[in-house]
């Protein structure tokens, strides 16, 4: 039995890669570290995951687990091009505490903040960004509408260069980047919802 005063910091680290949202596991569970005496939650989290590799991290929630211990979870986001190694699994297949809450938080924040910067590569085409949003949101998104909305909000900017056409041909695609790599509320009344 776990001491009722034990407290662990849990990392729910996610990335969008290969058209799906993935979560990082450590030996079949979310990375975690027990708090030591007089240690902060952030310091314990730093022992569980490489916080420096995360493009964004925020406290998610605190709850009492089935074993009686207290756990505080953090949502951490990794850019798709980041070489963070580990056991990455499709988030939809991971039935662990905090994963559903992390997906819900991420989906909500994508609709009213610029948090996409924490999942997307540094530069990208609108088609590549659309894949990130589709993976994270769990439903289809129009590339044209995504571009229009994010540019109107001042979240994206065009950069020099173009991406060469793929196997199917076409014109070279324009490159973009997020204006800021810090979390900002871009539209407090917005929502990206699945089609009805």
N, C-alpha and C. Protein backbone atom coordinates (compact mmCIF):
# COMPACT_ATOMS: atom_id res chain seq x y z
N UNK A 1 0.85 -1.20 0.00
CA UNK A 1 0.00 0.00 0.00
C UNK A 1 0.88 1.24 0.00
N UNK A 2 0.48 2.21 -0.79
CA UNK A 2 1.22 3.47 -0.90
C UNK A 2 0.85 4.37 0.27
N UNK A 3 1.84 5.08 0.77
CA UNK A 3 1.62 6.07 1.83
C UNK A 3 0.64 7.12 1.30
N UNK A 4 -0.36 7.45 2.09
CA UNK A 4 -1.39 8.40 1.64
C UNK A 4 -0.83 9.80 1.42
N UNK A 5 0.39 10.05 1.89
CA UNK A 5 0.98 11.37 1.69
C UNK A 5 1.89 11.41 0.47
N UNK A 6 2.04 10.30 -0.24
CA UNK A 6 2.93 10.30 -1.40
C UNK A 6 2.34 11.12 -2.54
N UNK A 7 3.19 11.77 -3.27
CA UNK A 7 2.77 12.65 -4.36
C UNK A 7 3.74 12.43 -5.52
N UNK A 8 3.20 12.24 -6.70
CA UNK A 8 4.03 12.04 -7.88
C UNK A 8 3.72 13.10 -8.93
N UNK A 9 4.74 13.48 -9.68
CA UNK A 9 4.57 14.36 -10.84
C UNK A 9 4.56 13.47 -12.07
N UNK A 10 3.56 13.64 -12.91
CA UNK A 10 3.35 12.78 -14.07
C UNK A 10 3.45 13.64 -15.33
N UNK A 11 4.17 13.15 -16.32
CA UNK A 11 4.28 13.85 -17.59
C UNK A 11 3.42 13.19 -18.66
N UNK A 12 2.47 13.94 -19.21
CA UNK A 12 1.70 13.47 -20.36
C UNK A 12 2.29 14.21 -21.56
N UNK A 13 3.30 13.59 -22.16
CA UNK A 13 4.07 14.21 -23.24
C UNK A 13 3.49 13.73 -24.57
N UNK A 14 3.11 14.68 -25.42
CA UNK A 14 2.45 14.36 -26.68
C UNK A 14 3.15 15.02 -27.86
N UNK A 15 2.98 14.36 -29.02
CA UNK A 15 3.45 14.93 -30.28
C UNK A 15 2.50 14.48 -31.39
N UNK A 16 2.49 15.23 -32.48
CA UNK A 16 1.71 14.87 -33.67
C UNK A 16 2.72 14.45 -34.73
N UNK A 17 2.68 13.19 -35.09
CA UNK A 17 3.63 12.68 -36.08
C UNK A 17 2.98 11.56 -36.87
N UNK A 18 3.23 11.54 -38.16
CA UNK A 18 2.69 10.48 -39.00
C UNK A 18 1.18 10.46 -39.06
N UNK A 19 0.57 11.64 -38.92
CA UNK A 19 -0.88 11.74 -39.01
C UNK A 19 -1.64 11.31 -37.76
N UNK A 20 -0.93 11.13 -36.65
CA UNK A 20 -1.62 10.74 -35.41
C UNK A 20 -1.00 11.44 -34.21
N UNK A 21 -1.80 11.56 -33.17
CA UNK A 21 -1.34 12.12 -31.91
C UNK A 21 -0.75 10.98 -31.09
N UNK A 22 0.48 11.18 -30.60
CA UNK A 22 1.17 10.13 -29.86
C UNK A 22 1.49 10.61 -28.45
N UNK A 23 1.60 9.64 -27.54
CA UNK A 23 1.95 9.93 -26.16
C UNK A 23 3.18 9.10 -25.78
N UNK A 24 4.06 9.69 -24.99
CA UNK A 24 5.30 9.05 -24.57
C UNK A 24 5.05 8.18 -23.34
N UNK A 25 5.50 6.93 -23.41
CA UNK A 25 5.36 6.02 -22.28
C UNK A 25 6.74 5.61 -21.78
N UNK A 26 6.78 5.22 -20.51
CA UNK A 26 8.00 4.73 -19.87
C UNK A 26 7.63 3.42 -19.18
N UNK A 27 8.08 2.31 -19.74
CA UNK A 27 7.76 0.98 -19.21
C UNK A 27 6.25 0.77 -19.11
N UNK A 28 5.52 1.21 -20.14
CA UNK A 28 4.08 0.99 -20.20
C UNK A 28 3.23 1.96 -19.40
N UNK A 29 3.84 2.94 -18.79
CA UNK A 29 3.09 3.96 -18.05
C UNK A 29 3.59 5.34 -18.40
N UNK A 30 2.87 6.35 -17.97
CA UNK A 30 3.32 7.72 -18.21
C UNK A 30 4.56 7.99 -17.36
N UNK A 31 5.52 8.74 -17.88
CA UNK A 31 6.72 9.07 -17.09
C UNK A 31 6.32 9.80 -15.81
N UNK A 32 6.92 9.38 -14.71
CA UNK A 32 6.58 10.01 -13.43
C UNK A 32 7.72 9.91 -12.45
N UNK A 33 7.70 10.78 -11.45
CA UNK A 33 8.70 10.78 -10.39
C UNK A 33 8.03 11.21 -9.09
N UNK A 34 8.34 10.48 -8.03
CA UNK A 34 7.80 10.81 -6.71
C UNK A 34 8.52 12.05 -6.16
N UNK A 35 7.74 12.92 -5.55
CA UNK A 35 8.32 14.11 -4.93
C UNK A 35 9.18 13.69 -3.75
N UNK A 36 10.32 14.34 -3.65
CA UNK A 36 11.18 14.13 -2.50
C UNK A 36 10.91 15.26 -1.51
N UNK A 37 11.32 15.11 -0.26
CA UNK A 37 11.07 16.16 0.73
C UNK A 37 11.55 17.53 0.24
N UNK A 38 10.68 18.53 0.35
CA UNK A 38 10.96 19.92 -0.01
C UNK A 38 11.29 20.11 -1.49
N UNK A 39 10.87 19.19 -2.33
CA UNK A 39 11.09 19.32 -3.77
C UNK A 39 9.83 19.88 -4.41
N UNK A 40 10.01 20.71 -5.41
CA UNK A 40 8.85 21.25 -6.13
C UNK A 40 8.33 20.22 -7.13
N UNK A 41 7.08 20.41 -7.52
CA UNK A 41 6.50 19.54 -8.55
C UNK A 41 7.28 19.66 -9.85
N UNK A 42 7.69 20.86 -10.21
CA UNK A 42 8.43 21.08 -11.45
C UNK A 42 9.77 20.35 -11.43
N UNK A 43 10.44 20.33 -10.27
CA UNK A 43 11.72 19.62 -10.17
C UNK A 43 11.51 18.12 -10.31
N UNK A 44 10.45 17.60 -9.71
CA UNK A 44 10.15 16.17 -9.85
C UNK A 44 9.81 15.84 -11.30
N UNK A 45 9.05 16.71 -11.96
CA UNK A 45 8.73 16.49 -13.36
C UNK A 45 10.01 16.45 -14.19
N UNK A 46 10.96 17.30 -13.87
CA UNK A 46 12.24 17.33 -14.57
C UNK A 46 13.03 16.05 -14.42
N UNK A 47 12.79 15.30 -13.36
CA UNK A 47 13.43 13.99 -13.21
C UNK A 47 12.71 12.93 -14.03
N UNK A 48 11.43 13.16 -14.32
CA UNK A 48 10.63 12.18 -15.06
C UNK A 48 10.77 12.34 -16.57
N UNK A 49 10.85 13.58 -17.05
CA UNK A 49 10.94 13.86 -18.49
C UNK A 49 11.98 14.95 -18.73
N UNK A 50 12.47 15.00 -19.95
CA UNK A 50 13.42 16.04 -20.35
C UNK A 50 12.62 17.30 -20.69
N UNK A 51 12.39 18.14 -19.70
CA UNK A 51 11.56 19.33 -19.86
C UNK A 51 12.15 20.27 -20.91
N UNK A 52 13.46 20.31 -21.03
CA UNK A 52 14.10 21.20 -22.02
C UNK A 52 13.73 20.81 -23.45
N UNK A 53 13.35 19.57 -23.68
CA UNK A 53 12.98 19.11 -25.03
C UNK A 53 11.54 19.45 -25.38
N UNK A 54 10.78 19.94 -24.40
CA UNK A 54 9.37 20.24 -24.63
C UNK A 54 9.22 21.67 -25.16
N UNK A 55 8.38 21.82 -26.17
CA UNK A 55 8.12 23.15 -26.72
C UNK A 55 7.11 23.91 -25.86
N UNK A 56 6.32 23.17 -25.09
CA UNK A 56 5.33 23.79 -24.19
C UNK A 56 5.04 22.80 -23.07
N UNK A 57 4.89 23.31 -21.86
CA UNK A 57 4.50 22.48 -20.72
C UNK A 57 3.59 23.30 -19.82
N UNK A 58 2.55 22.65 -19.31
CA UNK A 58 1.62 23.31 -18.38
C UNK A 58 1.02 22.28 -17.45
N UNK A 59 0.67 22.74 -16.25
CA UNK A 59 0.02 21.84 -15.30
C UNK A 59 -1.37 21.48 -15.81
N UNK A 60 -1.70 20.20 -15.75
CA UNK A 60 -2.96 19.70 -16.27
C UNK A 60 -3.99 19.55 -15.17
N UNK A 61 -3.72 18.69 -14.21
CA UNK A 61 -4.65 18.49 -13.10
C UNK A 61 -4.00 17.67 -12.01
N UNK A 62 -4.63 17.69 -10.83
CA UNK A 62 -4.19 16.89 -9.69
C UNK A 62 -5.35 16.00 -9.28
N UNK A 63 -5.04 14.74 -9.01
CA UNK A 63 -6.10 13.83 -8.57
C UNK A 63 -5.51 12.75 -7.68
N UNK A 64 -6.40 12.11 -6.92
CA UNK A 64 -6.02 10.97 -6.08
C UNK A 64 -6.16 9.72 -6.94
N UNK A 65 -5.09 8.92 -6.98
CA UNK A 65 -5.10 7.70 -7.77
C UNK A 65 -5.71 6.54 -6.99
N UNK A 66 -5.95 5.43 -7.67
CA UNK A 66 -6.58 4.27 -7.04
C UNK A 66 -5.79 3.74 -5.86
N UNK A 67 -4.46 3.87 -5.89
CA UNK A 67 -3.63 3.37 -4.79
C UNK A 67 -3.57 4.34 -3.61
N UNK A 68 -4.27 5.46 -3.70
CA UNK A 68 -4.32 6.43 -2.61
C UNK A 68 -3.28 7.54 -2.72
N UNK A 69 -2.36 7.45 -3.65
CA UNK A 69 -1.37 8.50 -3.82
C UNK A 69 -1.97 9.67 -4.58
N UNK A 70 -1.33 10.81 -4.46
CA UNK A 70 -1.77 12.01 -5.16
C UNK A 70 -0.84 12.21 -6.35
N UNK A 71 -1.42 12.52 -7.49
CA UNK A 71 -0.62 12.74 -8.71
C UNK A 71 -1.00 14.08 -9.32
N UNK A 72 0.02 14.83 -9.69
CA UNK A 72 -0.18 16.06 -10.44
C UNK A 72 0.40 15.84 -11.83
N UNK A 73 -0.45 15.97 -12.83
CA UNK A 73 -0.04 15.72 -14.21
C UNK A 73 0.24 17.03 -14.93
N UNK A 74 1.20 16.95 -15.83
CA UNK A 74 1.58 18.07 -16.68
C UNK A 74 1.43 17.65 -18.13
N UNK A 75 0.89 18.53 -18.94
CA UNK A 75 0.83 18.33 -20.37
C UNK A 75 2.09 18.91 -20.97
N UNK A 76 2.84 18.08 -21.70
CA UNK A 76 4.04 18.54 -22.39
C UNK A 76 3.89 18.27 -23.87
N UNK A 77 4.27 19.23 -24.71
CA UNK A 77 4.15 19.09 -26.15
C UNK A 77 5.52 19.13 -26.81
N UNK A 78 5.70 18.23 -27.77
CA UNK A 78 6.97 18.10 -28.49
C UNK A 78 6.72 18.42 -29.95
N UNK A 79 7.57 19.25 -30.54
CA UNK A 79 7.44 19.54 -31.97
C UNK A 79 7.68 18.27 -32.77
N UNK A 80 6.96 18.15 -33.88
CA UNK A 80 7.00 16.92 -34.68
C UNK A 80 8.39 16.58 -35.19
N UNK A 81 9.23 17.57 -35.42
CA UNK A 81 10.57 17.31 -35.93
C UNK A 81 11.60 17.05 -34.83
N UNK A 82 11.20 17.20 -33.57
CA UNK A 82 12.12 17.02 -32.45
C UNK A 82 12.50 15.55 -32.31
N UNK A 83 13.79 15.26 -32.10
CA UNK A 83 14.23 13.87 -32.02
C UNK A 83 14.11 13.26 -30.63
N UNK A 84 13.03 13.50 -29.93
CA UNK A 84 12.85 12.94 -28.59
C UNK A 84 12.61 11.44 -28.73
N UNK A 85 13.53 10.67 -28.20
CA UNK A 85 13.43 9.21 -28.30
C UNK A 85 12.54 8.67 -27.17
N UNK A 86 12.03 7.49 -27.38
CA UNK A 86 11.23 6.85 -26.35
C UNK A 86 10.16 5.97 -26.95
N UNK A 87 9.32 5.47 -26.10
CA UNK A 87 8.24 4.58 -26.50
C UNK A 87 7.00 5.42 -26.80
N UNK A 88 6.84 5.84 -28.04
CA UNK A 88 5.71 6.67 -28.47
C UNK A 88 4.58 5.77 -28.93
N UNK A 89 3.39 5.96 -28.38
CA UNK A 89 2.21 5.17 -28.74
C UNK A 89 1.08 6.08 -29.18
N UNK A 90 0.20 5.58 -30.06
CA UNK A 90 -0.96 6.39 -30.44
C UNK A 90 -1.79 6.73 -29.20
N UNK A 91 -2.07 7.99 -28.99
CA UNK A 91 -2.80 8.42 -27.80
C UNK A 91 -4.18 7.75 -27.72
N UNK A 92 -4.80 7.50 -28.86
CA UNK A 92 -6.12 6.88 -28.88
C UNK A 92 -6.10 5.45 -28.33
N UNK A 93 -4.93 4.83 -28.28
CA UNK A 93 -4.80 3.46 -27.80
C UNK A 93 -4.29 3.38 -26.37
N UNK A 94 -4.01 4.51 -25.74
CA UNK A 94 -3.46 4.53 -24.38
C UNK A 94 -4.57 4.86 -23.40
N UNK A 95 -4.96 3.85 -22.62
CA UNK A 95 -6.04 4.03 -21.64
C UNK A 95 -5.43 4.19 -20.24
N UNK A 96 -4.77 5.31 -20.03
CA UNK A 96 -4.15 5.60 -18.74
C UNK A 96 -4.74 6.90 -18.19
N UNK A 97 -4.74 7.04 -16.85
CA UNK A 97 -5.23 8.30 -16.28
C UNK A 97 -4.48 9.49 -16.88
N UNK A 98 -5.17 10.57 -17.05
CA UNK A 98 -4.66 11.86 -17.52
C UNK A 98 -4.57 11.98 -19.05
N UNK A 99 -4.50 10.89 -19.79
CA UNK A 99 -4.33 10.99 -21.24
C UNK A 99 -5.55 11.64 -21.89
N UNK A 100 -6.74 11.21 -21.50
CA UNK A 100 -7.95 11.81 -22.05
C UNK A 100 -8.07 13.28 -21.71
N UNK A 101 -7.72 13.64 -20.48
CA UNK A 101 -7.76 15.05 -20.07
C UNK A 101 -6.75 15.87 -20.86
N UNK A 102 -5.58 15.28 -21.13
CA UNK A 102 -4.56 15.99 -21.90
C UNK A 102 -5.03 16.22 -23.34
N UNK A 103 -5.65 15.20 -23.94
CA UNK A 103 -6.18 15.37 -25.30
C UNK A 103 -7.25 16.45 -25.33
N UNK A 104 -8.14 16.44 -24.37
CA UNK A 104 -9.20 17.46 -24.31
C UNK A 104 -8.63 18.85 -24.15
N UNK A 105 -7.64 19.00 -23.28
CA UNK A 105 -7.02 20.32 -23.07
C UNK A 105 -6.36 20.80 -24.36
N UNK A 106 -5.60 19.90 -25.00
CA UNK A 106 -4.92 20.27 -26.24
C UNK A 106 -5.92 20.68 -27.31
N UNK A 107 -6.97 19.91 -27.49
CA UNK A 107 -7.98 20.22 -28.50
C UNK A 107 -8.62 21.58 -28.24
N UNK A 108 -8.92 21.85 -26.99
CA UNK A 108 -9.52 23.13 -26.65
C UNK A 108 -8.55 24.27 -26.95
N UNK A 109 -7.30 24.11 -26.53
CA UNK A 109 -6.33 25.20 -26.71
C UNK A 109 -6.00 25.46 -28.17
N UNK A 110 -6.09 24.45 -29.02
CA UNK A 110 -5.85 24.67 -30.44
C UNK A 110 -6.88 25.62 -31.04
N UNK A 111 -8.05 25.70 -30.44
CA UNK A 111 -9.10 26.54 -31.01
C UNK A 111 -8.99 28.01 -30.61
N UNK A 112 -8.32 28.32 -29.51
CA UNK A 112 -8.29 29.72 -29.08
C UNK A 112 -6.89 30.26 -28.75
N UNK A 113 -5.84 29.44 -28.96
CA UNK A 113 -4.47 29.90 -28.74
C UNK A 113 -3.61 29.56 -29.95
N UNK A 114 -2.35 29.89 -29.86
CA UNK A 114 -1.38 29.56 -30.89
C UNK A 114 -0.57 28.31 -30.53
N UNK A 115 -1.09 27.43 -29.67
CA UNK A 115 -0.33 26.29 -29.16
C UNK A 115 0.13 25.33 -30.26
N UNK A 116 -0.38 25.47 -31.46
CA UNK A 116 0.09 24.65 -32.58
C UNK A 116 1.60 24.76 -32.79
N UNK A 117 2.20 25.89 -32.36
CA UNK A 117 3.65 26.07 -32.49
C UNK A 117 4.41 24.96 -31.78
N UNK A 118 3.82 24.41 -30.72
CA UNK A 118 4.49 23.41 -29.90
C UNK A 118 4.43 22.01 -30.52
N UNK A 119 3.63 21.83 -31.56
CA UNK A 119 3.50 20.54 -32.23
C UNK A 119 4.10 20.55 -33.64
N UNK A 120 4.01 21.69 -34.30
CA UNK A 120 4.45 21.79 -35.70
C UNK A 120 5.97 21.93 -35.78
N UNK A 121 6.54 21.58 -36.94
CA UNK A 121 7.96 21.88 -37.14
C UNK A 121 8.17 23.40 -37.20
N UNK A 122 9.41 23.84 -37.16
CA UNK A 122 9.71 25.29 -37.17
C UNK A 122 9.15 25.97 -38.43
N UNK A 123 9.34 25.36 -39.59
CA UNK A 123 8.73 25.86 -40.82
C UNK A 123 7.94 24.71 -41.44
N UNK A 124 6.89 25.08 -42.15
CA UNK A 124 5.97 24.06 -42.65
C UNK A 124 5.14 24.64 -43.79
N UNK A 125 4.56 23.74 -44.56
CA UNK A 125 3.56 24.14 -45.54
C UNK A 125 2.22 24.10 -44.84
N UNK A 126 1.21 24.71 -45.41
CA UNK A 126 -0.13 24.66 -44.82
C UNK A 126 -0.63 23.23 -44.79
N UNK A 127 -0.30 22.45 -45.80
CA UNK A 127 -0.70 21.05 -45.82
C UNK A 127 -0.07 20.27 -44.65
N UNK A 128 1.19 20.54 -44.36
CA UNK A 128 1.86 19.89 -43.23
C UNK A 128 1.25 20.33 -41.91
N UNK A 129 0.93 21.61 -41.79
CA UNK A 129 0.29 22.11 -40.57
C UNK A 129 -1.10 21.49 -40.40
N UNK A 130 -1.82 21.35 -41.49
CA UNK A 130 -3.14 20.72 -41.44
C UNK A 130 -3.03 19.30 -40.87
N UNK A 131 -2.02 18.54 -41.27
CA UNK A 131 -1.83 17.19 -40.74
C UNK A 131 -1.64 17.20 -39.23
N UNK A 132 -0.90 18.19 -38.73
CA UNK A 132 -0.69 18.32 -37.29
C UNK A 132 -2.03 18.59 -36.59
N UNK A 133 -2.81 19.53 -37.12
CA UNK A 133 -4.09 19.87 -36.51
C UNK A 133 -5.07 18.70 -36.58
N UNK A 134 -5.11 18.00 -37.70
CA UNK A 134 -6.01 16.85 -37.83
C UNK A 134 -5.64 15.77 -36.80
N UNK A 135 -4.34 15.50 -36.66
CA UNK A 135 -3.90 14.50 -35.68
C UNK A 135 -4.28 14.90 -34.26
N UNK A 136 -4.06 16.16 -33.92
CA UNK A 136 -4.33 16.62 -32.56
C UNK A 136 -5.83 16.76 -32.27
N UNK A 137 -6.59 17.25 -33.25
CA UNK A 137 -8.02 17.47 -33.04
C UNK A 137 -8.84 16.19 -33.17
N UNK A 138 -8.36 15.26 -33.97
CA UNK A 138 -9.10 14.01 -34.15
C UNK A 138 -10.22 14.11 -35.16
N UNK A 139 -10.22 15.15 -35.97
CA UNK A 139 -11.21 15.29 -37.04
C UNK A 139 -10.60 16.11 -38.16
N UNK A 140 -11.23 16.04 -39.34
CA UNK A 140 -10.71 16.72 -40.51
C UNK A 140 -10.80 18.23 -40.36
N UNK A 141 -9.84 18.91 -40.97
CA UNK A 141 -9.78 20.37 -40.97
C UNK A 141 -9.44 20.80 -42.40
N UNK A 142 -10.11 21.81 -42.88
CA UNK A 142 -9.82 22.35 -44.21
C UNK A 142 -8.53 23.16 -44.16
N UNK A 143 -7.59 22.83 -45.05
CA UNK A 143 -6.32 23.56 -45.10
C UNK A 143 -6.56 25.04 -45.41
N UNK A 144 -7.47 25.31 -46.32
CA UNK A 144 -7.76 26.70 -46.70
C UNK A 144 -8.32 27.49 -45.52
N UNK A 145 -9.27 26.90 -44.81
CA UNK A 145 -9.85 27.58 -43.65
C UNK A 145 -8.84 27.74 -42.52
N UNK A 146 -8.02 26.72 -42.30
CA UNK A 146 -7.00 26.79 -41.25
C UNK A 146 -6.05 27.94 -41.55
N UNK A 147 -5.57 28.04 -42.78
CA UNK A 147 -4.66 29.12 -43.17
C UNK A 147 -5.33 30.47 -42.98
N UNK A 148 -6.55 30.60 -43.45
CA UNK A 148 -7.26 31.89 -43.37
C UNK A 148 -7.44 32.32 -41.91
N UNK A 149 -7.87 31.40 -41.07
CA UNK A 149 -8.11 31.73 -39.66
C UNK A 149 -6.82 32.10 -38.95
N UNK A 150 -5.76 31.30 -39.12
CA UNK A 150 -4.52 31.56 -38.40
C UNK A 150 -3.81 32.82 -38.90
N UNK A 151 -3.90 33.11 -40.17
CA UNK A 151 -3.30 34.36 -40.68
C UNK A 151 -4.12 35.56 -40.20
N UNK A 152 -5.45 35.44 -40.21
CA UNK A 152 -6.30 36.54 -39.73
C UNK A 152 -6.01 36.85 -38.27
N UNK A 153 -5.72 35.84 -37.48
CA UNK A 153 -5.40 36.05 -36.06
C UNK A 153 -3.97 36.53 -35.84
N UNK A 154 -3.17 36.58 -36.89
CA UNK A 154 -1.79 37.02 -36.76
C UNK A 154 -0.88 35.96 -36.16
N UNK A 155 -1.24 34.69 -36.29
CA UNK A 155 -0.50 33.59 -35.70
C UNK A 155 0.59 33.07 -36.63
N UNK A 156 0.34 33.10 -37.94
CA UNK A 156 1.29 32.59 -38.94
C UNK A 156 1.88 33.72 -39.75
N UNK A 157 3.10 33.48 -40.24
CA UNK A 157 3.71 34.40 -41.19
C UNK A 157 4.44 33.59 -42.25
N UNK A 158 4.47 34.15 -43.43
CA UNK A 158 5.15 33.53 -44.58
C UNK A 158 6.64 33.70 -44.40
N UNK A 159 7.43 32.68 -44.78
CA UNK A 159 8.89 32.76 -44.74
C UNK A 159 9.42 32.50 -46.14
N UNK A 160 10.67 32.88 -46.37
CA UNK A 160 11.29 32.67 -47.68
C UNK A 160 11.40 31.18 -47.98
N UNK A 161 11.32 30.88 -49.24
CA UNK A 161 11.50 29.50 -49.68
C UNK A 161 10.19 28.82 -50.01
N UNK A 162 10.34 27.68 -50.64
CA UNK A 162 9.18 26.85 -51.00
C UNK A 162 9.58 25.40 -50.85
N UNK A 163 8.59 24.57 -50.59
CA UNK A 163 8.81 23.13 -50.48
C UNK A 163 8.59 22.52 -51.86
N UNK A 164 9.52 21.69 -52.32
CA UNK A 164 9.41 21.05 -53.63
C UNK A 164 8.15 20.19 -53.69
N UNK A 165 7.57 20.07 -54.87
CA UNK A 165 6.37 19.24 -55.01
C UNK A 165 6.66 17.78 -54.64
N UNK A 166 5.63 17.09 -54.20
CA UNK A 166 5.76 15.69 -53.84
C UNK A 166 5.67 14.78 -55.05
N UNK A 167 5.44 13.51 -54.82
CA UNK A 167 5.38 12.50 -55.89
C UNK A 167 4.29 12.78 -56.90
N UNK A 168 3.21 13.41 -56.45
CA UNK A 168 2.08 13.64 -57.35
C UNK A 168 2.22 14.92 -58.15
N UNK A 169 3.30 15.66 -57.93
CA UNK A 169 3.53 16.89 -58.69
C UNK A 169 2.86 18.09 -58.07
N UNK A 170 2.55 19.06 -58.91
CA UNK A 170 1.93 20.29 -58.43
C UNK A 170 2.94 21.40 -58.30
N UNK A 171 2.48 22.53 -57.81
CA UNK A 171 3.36 23.69 -57.63
C UNK A 171 4.12 23.56 -56.32
N UNK A 172 5.30 24.17 -56.25
CA UNK A 172 6.02 24.21 -54.97
C UNK A 172 5.16 24.94 -53.92
N UNK A 173 5.14 24.41 -52.72
CA UNK A 173 4.29 24.97 -51.66
C UNK A 173 5.01 26.05 -50.86
N UNK A 174 4.27 27.09 -50.51
CA UNK A 174 4.80 28.19 -49.69
C UNK A 174 5.10 27.68 -48.29
N UNK A 175 6.11 28.28 -47.66
CA UNK A 175 6.49 27.93 -46.30
C UNK A 175 6.02 28.99 -45.31
N UNK A 176 5.63 28.53 -44.12
CA UNK A 176 5.15 29.40 -43.05
C UNK A 176 5.84 29.03 -41.75
N UNK A 177 5.64 29.88 -40.75
CA UNK A 177 6.06 29.58 -39.38
C UNK A 177 5.11 30.30 -38.44
N UNK A 178 5.11 29.87 -37.18
CA UNK A 178 4.33 30.58 -36.17
C UNK A 178 5.08 31.85 -35.80
N UNK A 179 4.36 32.94 -35.62
CA UNK A 179 4.95 34.22 -35.28
C UNK A 179 5.62 34.16 -33.91
N UNK A 180 5.02 33.44 -32.98
CA UNK A 180 5.53 33.36 -31.62
C UNK A 180 5.66 31.91 -31.18
N UNK A 181 6.67 31.63 -30.38
CA UNK A 181 6.81 30.30 -29.80
C UNK A 181 6.51 30.33 -28.30
N UNK A 182 5.68 31.27 -27.93
CA UNK A 182 5.16 31.37 -26.55
C UNK A 182 3.65 31.32 -26.63
N UNK A 183 3.03 30.67 -25.67
CA UNK A 183 1.58 30.51 -25.67
C UNK A 183 0.89 31.87 -25.56
N UNK A 184 -0.03 32.11 -26.50
CA UNK A 184 -0.81 33.35 -26.50
C UNK A 184 -2.26 33.02 -26.83
N UNK A 185 -3.19 33.68 -26.16
CA UNK A 185 -4.60 33.57 -26.52
C UNK A 185 -4.80 34.42 -27.77
N UNK A 186 -5.32 33.80 -28.81
CA UNK A 186 -5.48 34.51 -30.08
C UNK A 186 -6.93 34.84 -30.39
N UNK A 187 -7.85 34.10 -29.80
CA UNK A 187 -9.28 34.37 -30.00
C UNK A 187 -10.05 33.69 -28.87
N UNK A 188 -10.38 34.47 -27.86
CA UNK A 188 -11.03 33.89 -26.68
C UNK A 188 -12.43 33.37 -26.94
N UNK A 189 -13.00 33.66 -28.11
CA UNK A 189 -14.36 33.20 -28.42
C UNK A 189 -14.38 32.10 -29.49
N UNK A 190 -13.21 31.63 -29.90
CA UNK A 190 -13.14 30.68 -31.02
C UNK A 190 -13.34 29.24 -30.56
N UNK A 191 -13.66 28.40 -31.51
CA UNK A 191 -13.74 26.96 -31.28
C UNK A 191 -13.59 26.23 -32.60
N UNK A 192 -12.71 25.24 -32.64
CA UNK A 192 -12.59 24.36 -33.79
C UNK A 192 -13.30 23.07 -33.40
N UNK A 193 -14.50 22.91 -33.89
CA UNK A 193 -15.29 21.76 -33.50
C UNK A 193 -15.42 20.80 -34.66
N UNK A 194 -15.64 19.51 -34.34
CA UNK A 194 -15.86 18.57 -35.43
C UNK A 194 -17.14 18.91 -36.19
N UNK A 195 -17.17 18.58 -37.48
CA UNK A 195 -18.39 18.86 -38.25
C UNK A 195 -19.57 18.06 -37.70
N UNK A 196 -20.76 18.60 -37.83
CA UNK A 196 -21.95 17.91 -37.32
C UNK A 196 -22.55 17.05 -38.39
